Amino acid sequence: MRYSRLVGWFKGWIAEAYLLAGDPVRARVEAIRGFQISLETGFTWAVGLAQRALGYIARAEGDQDDAERRLGEALDTFENTESRFDAARTHFALAELADERGEAASATTQREAAGRLLTELGLATDAADQRPAPTGG
């Protein structure tokens, strides 16, 4: 394609898709490459996509500390680029991580932050009142 910015953006999205499809190894490869390309091309928003994908991957692998670090970096990136929708999605991911850790107050704070951002975008939500569905396993 020879349009590196688009490739970096795509790799951030495809990393999430591979993770959802049950292939965390391929997801990590794509996310890291997307991160590298996006840094090289200066496409900061796509850097955030890759950071968030790496956070999702770390969480799926059970590394809560790395997940929190990566998701926090993604949130900073999205806030710096004023990407409110992606910041809201990242707040939700941090809320889910807080739930896993038994940190109810932190989870509520993250959901409230996501709800505020979505409301600013005209996407009314009751996000602060939502709790994750129980999972089997």
N, C-alpha and C. Protein backbone atom coordinates (compact mmCIF):
# COMPACT_ATOMS: atom_id res chain seq x y z
N MET A 1 0.82 -1.20 0.00
CA MET A 1 0.00 0.00 0.00
C MET A 1 0.86 1.25 0.00
N ARG A 2 2.01 1.18 0.61
CA ARG A 2 2.95 2.30 0.67
C ARG A 2 2.36 3.53 1.36
N TYR A 3 1.45 3.33 2.22
CA TYR A 3 0.90 4.42 3.02
C TYR A 3 0.99 3.99 4.47
N SER A 4 2.15 4.24 5.06
CA SER A 4 2.48 3.70 6.37
C SER A 4 1.53 4.12 7.47
N ARG A 5 1.04 5.34 7.43
CA ARG A 5 0.12 5.78 8.49
C ARG A 5 -1.12 4.88 8.52
N LEU A 6 -1.64 4.56 7.35
CA LEU A 6 -2.82 3.71 7.27
C LEU A 6 -2.49 2.29 7.75
N VAL A 7 -1.31 1.81 7.43
CA VAL A 7 -0.90 0.48 7.86
C VAL A 7 -0.80 0.43 9.38
N GLY A 8 -0.20 1.44 9.99
CA GLY A 8 -0.10 1.49 11.45
C GLY A 8 -1.47 1.50 12.10
N TRP A 9 -2.38 2.27 11.55
CA TRP A 9 -3.74 2.35 12.06
C TRP A 9 -4.42 0.98 11.96
N PHE A 10 -4.31 0.37 10.80
CA PHE A 10 -4.93 -0.93 10.57
C PHE A 10 -4.39 -1.98 11.54
N LYS A 11 -3.10 -1.98 11.78
CA LYS A 11 -2.50 -3.00 12.65
C LYS A 11 -3.00 -2.87 14.08
N GLY A 12 -3.28 -1.66 14.53
CA GLY A 12 -3.87 -1.49 15.86
C GLY A 12 -5.24 -2.15 15.94
N TRP A 13 -6.04 -1.98 14.89
CA TRP A 13 -7.38 -2.60 14.85
C TRP A 13 -7.29 -4.11 14.68
N ILE A 14 -6.42 -4.56 13.80
CA ILE A 14 -6.35 -5.99 13.53
C ILE A 14 -5.81 -6.74 14.75
N ALA A 15 -4.99 -6.08 15.55
CA ALA A 15 -4.49 -6.71 16.77
C ALA A 15 -5.65 -7.06 17.69
N GLU A 16 -6.60 -6.14 17.84
CA GLU A 16 -7.78 -6.42 18.66
C GLU A 16 -8.58 -7.58 18.07
N ALA A 17 -8.70 -7.61 16.76
CA ALA A 17 -9.46 -8.67 16.10
C ALA A 17 -8.81 -10.03 16.35
N TYR A 18 -7.49 -10.10 16.22
CA TYR A 18 -6.80 -11.36 16.49
C TYR A 18 -6.98 -11.81 17.93
N LEU A 19 -6.95 -10.85 18.85
CA LEU A 19 -7.16 -11.20 20.25
C LEU A 19 -8.57 -11.76 20.45
N LEU A 20 -9.55 -11.09 19.88
CA LEU A 20 -10.93 -11.58 19.99
C LEU A 20 -11.12 -12.95 19.35
N ALA A 21 -10.32 -13.23 18.34
CA ALA A 21 -10.39 -14.52 17.65
C ALA A 21 -9.60 -15.60 18.38
N GLY A 22 -8.97 -15.24 19.50
CA GLY A 22 -8.26 -16.23 20.30
C GLY A 22 -6.81 -16.43 19.93
N ASP A 23 -6.19 -15.46 19.26
CA ASP A 23 -4.79 -15.59 18.85
C ASP A 23 -3.97 -14.44 19.45
N PRO A 24 -3.66 -14.52 20.75
CA PRO A 24 -2.93 -13.42 21.39
C PRO A 24 -1.51 -13.25 20.86
N VAL A 25 -0.90 -14.31 20.38
CA VAL A 25 0.46 -14.21 19.85
C VAL A 25 0.46 -13.33 18.60
N ARG A 26 -0.44 -13.63 17.67
CA ARG A 26 -0.52 -12.82 16.45
C ARG A 26 -0.99 -11.40 16.78
N ALA A 27 -1.89 -11.29 17.77
CA ALA A 27 -2.35 -9.97 18.19
C ALA A 27 -1.19 -9.12 18.67
N ARG A 28 -0.31 -9.70 19.47
CA ARG A 28 0.84 -8.95 19.99
C ARG A 28 1.77 -8.52 18.85
N VAL A 29 2.02 -9.41 17.92
CA VAL A 29 2.89 -9.08 16.77
C VAL A 29 2.32 -7.88 16.02
N GLU A 30 1.03 -7.92 15.73
CA GLU A 30 0.39 -6.84 14.98
C GLU A 30 0.39 -5.53 15.78
N ALA A 31 0.10 -5.63 17.08
CA ALA A 31 0.05 -4.42 17.91
C ALA A 31 1.42 -3.76 18.01
N ILE A 32 2.45 -4.57 18.21
CA ILE A 32 3.80 -4.01 18.31
C ILE A 32 4.21 -3.36 17.00
N ARG A 33 3.92 -4.02 15.90
CA ARG A 33 4.28 -3.43 14.60
C ARG A 33 3.47 -2.16 14.34
N GLY A 34 2.20 -2.18 14.69
CA GLY A 34 1.39 -0.98 14.55
C GLY A 34 1.91 0.17 15.39
N PHE A 35 2.34 -0.14 16.60
CA PHE A 35 2.92 0.86 17.49
C PHE A 35 4.17 1.46 16.86
N GLN A 36 5.07 0.59 16.37
CA GLN A 36 6.32 1.05 15.77
C GLN A 36 6.05 1.93 14.54
N ILE A 37 5.21 1.47 13.66
CA ILE A 37 4.91 2.23 12.43
C ILE A 37 4.28 3.57 12.78
N SER A 38 3.37 3.56 13.72
CA SER A 38 2.67 4.80 14.08
C SER A 38 3.60 5.80 14.75
N LEU A 39 4.54 5.31 15.56
CA LEU A 39 5.55 6.20 16.13
C LEU A 39 6.42 6.80 15.03
N GLU A 40 6.86 5.94 14.10
CA GLU A 40 7.73 6.40 13.00
C GLU A 40 7.05 7.43 12.12
N THR A 41 5.76 7.28 11.90
CA THR A 41 5.05 8.19 11.01
C THR A 41 4.43 9.38 11.75
N GLY A 42 4.51 9.36 13.07
CA GLY A 42 3.95 10.46 13.85
C GLY A 42 2.43 10.45 13.93
N PHE A 43 1.82 9.30 13.73
CA PHE A 43 0.36 9.18 13.78
C PHE A 43 -0.03 8.82 15.21
N THR A 44 -0.10 9.83 16.04
CA THR A 44 -0.26 9.66 17.48
C THR A 44 -1.53 8.91 17.84
N TRP A 45 -2.64 9.20 17.18
CA TRP A 45 -3.89 8.51 17.50
C TRP A 45 -3.73 7.01 17.30
N ALA A 46 -3.06 6.59 16.21
CA ALA A 46 -2.85 5.17 15.95
C ALA A 46 -1.88 4.56 16.96
N VAL A 47 -0.97 5.37 17.51
CA VAL A 47 -0.13 4.90 18.61
C VAL A 47 -1.03 4.47 19.76
N GLY A 48 -2.03 5.29 20.06
CA GLY A 48 -2.97 4.96 21.12
C GLY A 48 -3.73 3.67 20.87
N LEU A 49 -4.11 3.43 19.62
CA LEU A 49 -4.79 2.17 19.28
C LEU A 49 -3.91 0.97 19.61
N ALA A 50 -2.65 1.07 19.23
CA ALA A 50 -1.72 -0.03 19.50
C ALA A 50 -1.47 -0.19 20.99
N GLN A 51 -1.34 0.93 21.70
CA GLN A 51 -1.15 0.85 23.15
C GLN A 51 -2.34 0.17 23.82
N ARG A 52 -3.54 0.55 23.39
CA ARG A 52 -4.73 -0.06 23.99
C ARG A 52 -4.79 -1.55 23.65
N ALA A 53 -4.47 -1.91 22.42
CA ALA A 53 -4.46 -3.33 22.04
C ALA A 53 -3.46 -4.09 22.91
N LEU A 54 -2.29 -3.52 23.15
CA LEU A 54 -1.31 -4.18 24.00
C LEU A 54 -1.82 -4.31 25.44
N GLY A 55 -2.61 -3.34 25.88
CA GLY A 55 -3.22 -3.44 27.20
C GLY A 55 -4.24 -4.56 27.26
N TYR A 56 -5.06 -4.67 26.22
CA TYR A 56 -6.04 -5.77 26.16
C TYR A 56 -5.33 -7.13 26.15
N ILE A 57 -4.24 -7.21 25.41
CA ILE A 57 -3.49 -8.46 25.31
C ILE A 57 -2.91 -8.82 26.67
N ALA A 58 -2.30 -7.86 27.33
CA ALA A 58 -1.72 -8.12 28.66
C ALA A 58 -2.80 -8.58 29.63
N ARG A 59 -3.95 -7.95 29.58
CA ARG A 59 -5.06 -8.34 30.46
C ARG A 59 -5.50 -9.77 30.15
N ALA A 60 -5.63 -10.10 28.88
CA ALA A 60 -6.04 -11.45 28.49
C ALA A 60 -5.03 -12.50 28.94
N GLU A 61 -3.77 -12.10 29.01
CA GLU A 61 -2.72 -13.01 29.43
C GLU A 61 -2.56 -13.05 30.95
N GLY A 62 -3.36 -12.26 31.66
CA GLY A 62 -3.32 -12.27 33.11
C GLY A 62 -2.30 -11.34 33.74
N ASP A 63 -1.66 -10.49 32.95
CA ASP A 63 -0.66 -9.56 33.47
C ASP A 63 -1.36 -8.21 33.74
N GLN A 64 -1.98 -8.13 34.90
CA GLN A 64 -2.78 -6.94 35.23
C GLN A 64 -1.93 -5.68 35.36
N ASP A 65 -0.70 -5.81 35.86
CA ASP A 65 0.15 -4.63 35.99
C ASP A 65 0.52 -4.06 34.62
N ASP A 66 0.91 -4.93 33.69
CA ASP A 66 1.25 -4.46 32.35
C ASP A 66 0.00 -3.93 31.65
N ALA A 67 -1.13 -4.58 31.87
CA ALA A 67 -2.38 -4.11 31.27
C ALA A 67 -2.69 -2.70 31.76
N GLU A 68 -2.56 -2.48 33.05
CA GLU A 68 -2.85 -1.14 33.60
C GLU A 68 -1.89 -0.10 33.04
N ARG A 69 -0.62 -0.46 32.92
CA ARG A 69 0.37 0.47 32.37
C ARG A 69 0.06 0.80 30.92
N ARG A 70 -0.20 -0.23 30.11
CA ARG A 70 -0.47 -0.01 28.68
C ARG A 70 -1.76 0.77 28.47
N LEU A 71 -2.80 0.40 29.21
CA LEU A 71 -4.07 1.12 29.08
C LEU A 71 -3.93 2.55 29.56
N GLY A 72 -3.16 2.77 30.60
CA GLY A 72 -2.91 4.14 31.07
C GLY A 72 -2.18 4.97 30.02
N GLU A 73 -1.21 4.35 29.36
CA GLU A 73 -0.49 5.04 28.28
C GLU A 73 -1.45 5.37 27.13
N ALA A 74 -2.31 4.42 26.80
CA ALA A 74 -3.29 4.66 25.73
C ALA A 74 -4.22 5.81 26.11
N LEU A 75 -4.68 5.80 27.35
CA LEU A 75 -5.57 6.88 27.80
C LEU A 75 -4.87 8.22 27.68
N ASP A 76 -3.62 8.30 28.11
CA ASP A 76 -2.87 9.56 27.98
C ASP A 76 -2.78 9.99 26.52
N THR A 77 -2.49 9.04 25.64
CA THR A 77 -2.38 9.35 24.21
C THR A 77 -3.70 9.88 23.67
N PHE A 78 -4.80 9.20 23.99
CA PHE A 78 -6.10 9.64 23.49
C PHE A 78 -6.50 10.99 24.07
N GLU A 79 -6.18 11.22 25.33
CA GLU A 79 -6.49 12.53 25.92
C GLU A 79 -5.66 13.63 25.25
N ASN A 80 -4.39 13.34 24.98
CA ASN A 80 -3.52 14.32 24.32
C ASN A 80 -3.96 14.64 22.90
N THR A 81 -4.59 13.68 22.23
CA THR A 81 -5.06 13.92 20.86
C THR A 81 -6.53 14.32 20.84
N GLU A 82 -7.11 14.49 22.04
CA GLU A 82 -8.51 14.88 22.19
C GLU A 82 -9.46 13.91 21.49
N SER A 83 -9.11 12.64 21.58
CA SER A 83 -9.93 11.57 21.01
C SER A 83 -10.86 11.05 22.10
N ARG A 84 -11.95 11.76 22.30
CA ARG A 84 -12.83 11.46 23.43
C ARG A 84 -13.48 10.09 23.35
N PHE A 85 -13.88 9.66 22.18
CA PHE A 85 -14.51 8.34 22.07
C PHE A 85 -13.53 7.24 22.46
N ASP A 86 -12.31 7.31 21.94
CA ASP A 86 -11.33 6.29 22.28
C ASP A 86 -10.86 6.41 23.72
N ALA A 87 -10.84 7.61 24.26
CA ALA A 87 -10.54 7.77 25.69
C ALA A 87 -11.64 7.09 26.50
N ALA A 88 -12.89 7.25 26.10
CA ALA A 88 -14.00 6.61 26.81
C ALA A 88 -13.86 5.09 26.75
N ARG A 89 -13.57 4.55 25.59
CA ARG A 89 -13.38 3.09 25.46
C ARG A 89 -12.27 2.61 26.39
N THR A 90 -11.22 3.41 26.50
CA THR A 90 -10.09 3.03 27.34
C THR A 90 -10.45 3.12 28.82
N HIS A 91 -11.25 4.12 29.18
CA HIS A 91 -11.75 4.19 30.57
C HIS A 91 -12.55 2.93 30.89
N PHE A 92 -13.38 2.47 29.95
CA PHE A 92 -14.14 1.24 30.17
C PHE A 92 -13.20 0.04 30.39
N ALA A 93 -12.13 -0.03 29.60
CA ALA A 93 -11.17 -1.13 29.76
C ALA A 93 -10.50 -1.06 31.13
N LEU A 94 -10.18 0.14 31.57
CA LEU A 94 -9.59 0.30 32.90
C LEU A 94 -10.59 -0.05 33.99
N ALA A 95 -11.87 0.24 33.76
CA ALA A 95 -12.91 -0.12 34.73
C ALA A 95 -13.02 -1.64 34.85
N GLU A 96 -12.97 -2.33 33.73
CA GLU A 96 -13.03 -3.79 33.76
C GLU A 96 -11.84 -4.37 34.51
N LEU A 97 -10.68 -3.79 34.29
CA LEU A 97 -9.48 -4.24 34.99
C LEU A 97 -9.63 -3.99 36.49
N ALA A 98 -10.15 -2.83 36.87
CA ALA A 98 -10.38 -2.53 38.28
C ALA A 98 -11.37 -3.51 38.89
N ASP A 99 -12.41 -3.86 38.14
CA ASP A 99 -13.36 -4.87 38.63
C ASP A 99 -12.66 -6.19 38.92
N GLU A 100 -11.78 -6.60 38.01
CA GLU A 100 -11.05 -7.86 38.20
C GLU A 100 -10.20 -7.83 39.46
N ARG A 101 -9.71 -6.66 39.80
CA ARG A 101 -8.85 -6.50 40.97
C ARG A 101 -9.66 -6.27 42.26
N GLY A 102 -10.97 -6.19 42.10
CA GLY A 102 -11.81 -5.94 43.27
C GLY A 102 -11.77 -4.50 43.74
N GLU A 103 -11.44 -3.59 42.84
CA GLU A 103 -11.34 -2.16 43.16
C GLU A 103 -12.58 -1.44 42.66
N ALA A 104 -13.67 -1.62 43.41
CA ALA A 104 -14.97 -1.11 42.98
C ALA A 104 -14.98 0.41 42.81
N ALA A 105 -14.36 1.14 43.72
CA ALA A 105 -14.37 2.60 43.63
C ALA A 105 -13.65 3.08 42.38
N SER A 106 -12.52 2.46 42.08
CA SER A 106 -11.77 2.82 40.88
C SER A 106 -12.57 2.49 39.62
N ALA A 107 -13.23 1.35 39.63
CA ALA A 107 -14.05 0.95 38.48
C ALA A 107 -15.16 1.97 38.25
N THR A 108 -15.81 2.39 39.32
CA THR A 108 -16.88 3.38 39.20
C THR A 108 -16.34 4.70 38.67
N THR A 109 -15.19 5.11 39.17
CA THR A 109 -14.58 6.36 38.71
C THR A 109 -14.29 6.30 37.21
N GLN A 110 -13.76 5.16 36.75
CA GLN A 110 -13.45 4.99 35.33
C GLN A 110 -14.73 5.03 34.49
N ARG A 111 -15.76 4.36 34.96
CA ARG A 111 -17.03 4.34 34.21
C ARG A 111 -17.65 5.75 34.17
N GLU A 112 -17.55 6.47 35.26
CA GLU A 112 -18.10 7.83 35.28
C GLU A 112 -17.35 8.71 34.29
N ALA A 113 -16.02 8.56 34.24
CA ALA A 113 -15.22 9.34 33.28
C ALA A 113 -15.63 9.00 31.85
N ALA A 114 -15.82 7.71 31.58
CA ALA A 114 -16.26 7.29 30.25
C ALA A 114 -17.63 7.87 29.94
N GLY A 115 -18.53 7.82 30.90
CA GLY A 115 -19.87 8.35 30.71
C GLY A 115 -19.86 9.84 30.40
N ARG A 116 -19.03 10.60 31.10
CA ARG A 116 -18.93 12.04 30.83
C ARG A 116 -18.48 12.30 29.41
N LEU A 117 -17.45 11.58 28.97
CA LEU A 117 -16.94 11.77 27.61
C LEU A 117 -18.00 11.41 26.57
N LEU A 118 -18.69 10.32 26.77
CA LEU A 118 -19.71 9.91 25.81
C LEU A 118 -20.87 10.91 25.80
N THR A 119 -21.21 11.44 26.96
CA THR A 119 -22.27 12.46 27.03
C THR A 119 -21.85 13.72 26.27
N GLU A 120 -20.58 14.12 26.41
CA GLU A 120 -20.06 15.27 25.66
C GLU A 120 -20.19 15.05 24.16
N LEU A 121 -20.09 13.81 23.74
CA LEU A 121 -20.20 13.48 22.32
C LEU A 121 -21.64 13.28 21.87
N GLY A 122 -22.57 13.46 22.80
CA GLY A 122 -23.98 13.29 22.46
C GLY A 122 -24.41 11.84 22.48
N LEU A 123 -23.63 11.01 23.13
CA LEU A 123 -23.94 9.59 23.23
C LEU A 123 -24.33 9.29 24.67
N ALA A 124 -25.55 9.67 25.04
CA ALA A 124 -26.01 9.50 26.41
C ALA A 124 -25.82 8.07 26.86
N THR A 125 -25.43 7.92 28.11
CA THR A 125 -25.13 6.59 28.63
C THR A 125 -25.37 6.52 30.12
N ASP A 126 -25.59 5.34 30.58
CA ASP A 126 -25.64 5.08 32.02
C ASP A 126 -24.42 4.24 32.39
N ALA A 127 -23.28 4.58 31.82
CA ALA A 127 -22.06 3.79 31.94
C ALA A 127 -21.64 3.57 33.39
N ALA A 128 -21.80 4.57 34.24
CA ALA A 128 -21.35 4.43 35.62
C ALA A 128 -22.14 3.36 36.36
N ASP A 129 -23.33 3.05 35.89
CA ASP A 129 -24.17 2.06 36.56
C ASP A 129 -23.98 0.66 36.00
N GLN A 130 -23.19 0.51 34.95
CA GLN A 130 -23.02 -0.78 34.30
C GLN A 130 -21.98 -1.61 35.02
N ARG A 131 -22.22 -2.88 35.13
CA ARG A 131 -21.27 -3.83 35.69
C ARG A 131 -21.06 -4.92 34.64
N PRO A 132 -19.87 -5.48 34.62
CA PRO A 132 -19.62 -6.53 33.62
C PRO A 132 -20.48 -7.76 33.90
N ALA A 133 -20.84 -8.43 32.85
CA ALA A 133 -21.58 -9.68 32.98
C ALA A 133 -20.64 -10.73 33.54
N PRO A 134 -21.16 -11.60 34.39
CA PRO A 134 -20.30 -12.67 34.92
C PRO A 134 -19.78 -13.54 33.79
N THR A 135 -18.55 -13.98 33.95
CA THR A 135 -17.95 -14.85 32.94
C THR A 135 -17.73 -16.21 33.54
N GLY A 136 -17.80 -17.19 32.69
CA GLY A 136 -17.55 -18.56 33.15
C GLY A 136 -16.08 -18.84 33.26
N GLY A 137 -15.74 -19.85 34.00
CA GLY A 137 -14.34 -20.23 34.02
C GLY A 137 -13.79 -20.27 35.32
